[in-house]
Amino acid sequence: MQLTAPASHRTGIRDTDGMAVASFVLGLLGLLVLNLFLGPIAIALASVALWRGTERRGRAWLGLGLGVADLLVLAAFMEFDSTISWSF
């Protein structure tokens, strides 16, 4: 009889928690620079973390929202400047 969770299960949860935090950080950073690349990465990491059942669901949802916001900011500035990138 095993009383603790297998090591792979604990590692998997830790990995998904890391994905949730990474999606939040990349989404936040993507609002300032490289939003074309960091936004989709934040969305993908947050989606995988939520799908795998992270314990940091709030952080994953924030990462997902920030990733979408990255792409919306990029689209707005592209429309405003008629360019593929934007700067301060």
C-alpha atoms as a PDB file:
ATOM      1  CA  MET A   1       0.000   0.000   0.000  1.00  0.00           C
ATOM      2  CA  GLN A   2       1.422   3.356  -1.063  1.00  0.00           C
ATOM      3  CA  LEU A   3       0.573   6.373   1.099  1.00  0.00           C
ATOM      4  CA  THR A   4       2.233   9.126  -0.929  1.00  0.00           C
ATOM      5  CA  ALA A   5       1.822  10.175  -4.512  1.00  0.00           C
ATOM      6  CA  PRO A   6       4.342   8.820  -6.993  1.00  0.00           C
ATOM      7  CA  ALA A   7       7.311  11.062  -7.695  1.00  0.00           C
ATOM      8  CA  SER A   8       6.239  11.556 -11.304  1.00  0.00           C
ATOM      9  CA  HIS A   9       2.858  12.906 -10.190  1.00  0.00           C
ATOM     10  CA  ARG A  10       4.469  15.489  -7.899  1.00  0.00           C
ATOM     11  CA  THR A  11       6.925  16.462 -10.619  1.00  0.00           C
ATOM     12  CA  GLY A  12       4.089  16.866 -13.097  1.00  0.00           C
ATOM     13  CA  ILE A  13       2.234  19.242 -10.803  1.00  0.00           C
ATOM     14  CA  ARG A  14       5.401  21.239 -10.204  1.00  0.00           C
ATOM     15  CA  ASP A  15       5.967  21.423 -13.971  1.00  0.00           C
ATOM     16  CA  THR A  16       2.447  22.692 -14.604  1.00  0.00           C
ATOM     17  CA  ASP A  17       2.808  25.252 -11.810  1.00  0.00           C
ATOM     18  CA  GLY A  18       6.007  26.422 -13.492  1.00  0.00           C
ATOM     19  CA  MET A  19       4.173  26.692 -16.798  1.00  0.00           C
ATOM     20  CA  ALA A  20       1.483  28.821 -15.159  1.00  0.00           C
ATOM     21  CA  VAL A  21       4.060  31.192 -13.682  1.00  0.00           C
ATOM     22  CA  ALA A  22       6.030  31.314 -16.940  1.00  0.00           C
ATOM     23  CA  SER A  23       2.894  32.162 -18.916  1.00  0.00           C
ATOM     24  CA  PHE A  24       2.140  35.017 -16.517  1.00  0.00           C
ATOM     25  CA  VAL A  25       5.679  36.420 -16.708  1.00  0.00           C
ATOM     26  CA  LEU A  26       5.919  36.081 -20.497  1.00  0.00           C
ATOM     27  CA  GLY A  27       2.479  37.605 -20.964  1.00  0.00           C
ATOM     28  CA  LEU A  28       3.417  40.548 -18.762  1.00  0.00           C
ATOM     29  CA  LEU A  29       6.742  41.013 -20.512  1.00  0.00           C
ATOM     30  CA  GLY A  30       5.030  40.674 -23.887  1.00  0.00           C
ATOM     31  CA  LEU A  31       3.031  43.834 -23.247  1.00  0.00           C
ATOM     32  CA  LEU A  32       6.304  45.751 -23.543  1.00  0.00           C
ATOM     33  CA  VAL A  33       8.481  43.837 -26.016  1.00  0.00           C
ATOM     34  CA  LEU A  34       8.217  41.026 -28.564  1.00  0.00           C
ATOM     35  CA  ASN A  35       4.458  40.661 -28.155  1.00  0.00           C
ATOM     36  CA  LEU A  36       4.228  38.851 -31.487  1.00  0.00           C
ATOM     37  CA  PHE A  37       6.284  35.980 -30.026  1.00  0.00           C
ATOM     38  CA  LEU A  38       5.660  36.142 -26.286  1.00  0.00           C
ATOM     39  CA  GLY A  39       1.869  36.422 -26.548  1.00  0.00           C
ATOM     40  CA  PRO A  40       1.318  33.076 -28.295  1.00  0.00           C
ATOM     41  CA  ILE A  41       3.879  31.378 -26.040  1.00  0.00           C
ATOM     42  CA  ALA A  42       2.061  32.685 -22.950  1.00  0.00           C
ATOM     43  CA  ILE A  43      -1.266  31.456 -24.354  1.00  0.00           C
ATOM     44  CA  ALA A  44       0.158  28.002 -25.104  1.00  0.00           C
ATOM     45  CA  LEU A  45       1.828  27.609 -21.699  1.00  0.00           C
ATOM     46  CA  ALA A  46      -1.290  28.753 -19.841  1.00  0.00           C
ATOM     47  CA  SER A  47      -3.509  26.422 -21.861  1.00  0.00           C
ATOM     48  CA  VAL A  48      -1.286  23.411 -21.196  1.00  0.00           C
ATOM     49  CA  ALA A  49      -1.018  24.275 -17.495  1.00  0.00           C
ATOM     50  CA  LEU A  50      -4.811  24.557 -17.173  1.00  0.00           C
ATOM     51  CA  TRP A  51      -5.361  21.367 -19.168  1.00  0.00           C
ATOM     52  CA  ARG A  52      -2.944  19.428 -16.956  1.00  0.00           C
ATOM     53  CA  GLY A  53      -4.564  20.721 -13.768  1.00  0.00           C
ATOM     54  CA  THR A  54      -2.160  23.223 -12.267  1.00  0.00           C
ATOM     55  CA  GLU A  55      -2.633  24.305  -8.677  1.00  0.00           C
ATOM     56  CA  ARG A  56      -1.936  27.905  -9.750  1.00  0.00           C
ATOM     57  CA  ARG A  57      -5.064  28.302 -11.830  1.00  0.00           C
ATOM     58  CA  GLY A  58      -5.312  32.034 -11.194  1.00  0.00           C
ATOM     59  CA  ARG A  59      -1.788  32.612 -12.421  1.00  0.00           C
ATOM     60  CA  ALA A  60      -2.489  30.507 -15.523  1.00  0.00           C
ATOM     61  CA  TRP A  61      -5.686  32.451 -16.266  1.00  0.00           C
ATOM     62  CA  LEU A  62      -3.774  35.727 -15.875  1.00  0.00           C
ATOM     63  CA  GLY A  63      -1.096  34.424 -18.244  1.00  0.00           C
ATOM     64  CA  LEU A  64      -3.764  33.460 -20.754  1.00  0.00           C
ATOM     65  CA  GLY A  65      -5.407  36.874 -20.500  1.00  0.00           C
ATOM     66  CA  LEU A  66      -2.096  38.696 -20.802  1.00  0.00           C
ATOM     67  CA  GLY A  67      -1.138  36.601 -23.835  1.00  0.00           C
ATOM     68  CA  VAL A  68      -4.385  37.583 -25.537  1.00  0.00           C
ATOM     69  CA  ALA A  69      -3.816  41.205 -24.477  1.00  0.00           C
ATOM     70  CA  ASP A  70      -0.349  41.062 -26.074  1.00  0.00           C
ATOM     71  CA  LEU A  71      -1.888  40.179 -29.414  1.00  0.00           C
ATOM     72  CA  LEU A  72      -4.633  42.790 -29.045  1.00  0.00           C
ATOM     73  CA  VAL A  73      -2.076  45.502 -28.235  1.00  0.00           C
ATOM     74  CA  LEU A  74      -0.036  44.439 -31.245  1.00  0.00           C
ATOM     75  CA  ALA A  75      -3.110  44.561 -33.490  1.00  0.00           C
ATOM     76  CA  ALA A  76      -4.095  47.987 -32.186  1.00  0.00           C
ATOM     77  CA  PHE A  77      -0.639  49.463 -32.730  1.00  0.00           C
ATOM     78  CA  MET A  78      -0.345  47.822 -36.136  1.00  0.00           C
ATOM     79  CA  GLU A  79      -3.621  49.459 -37.118  1.00  0.00           C
ATOM     80  CA  PHE A  80      -2.491  52.804 -35.719  1.00  0.00           C
ATOM     81  CA  ASP A  81       1.034  52.791 -37.223  1.00  0.00           C
ATOM     82  CA  SER A  82       0.430  50.577 -40.273  1.00  0.00           C
ATOM     83  CA  THR A  83       3.552  48.602 -39.301  1.00  0.00           C
ATOM     84  CA  ILE A  84       4.265  45.125 -37.944  1.00  0.00           C
ATOM     85  CA  SER A  85       5.868  46.405 -34.715  1.00  0.00           C
ATOM     86  CA  TRP A  86       5.525  49.275 -32.313  1.00  0.00           C
ATOM     87  CA  SER A  87       7.801  51.270 -30.045  1.00  0.00           C
ATOM     88  CA  PHE A  88       7.471  53.859 -27.304  1.00  0.00           C
END
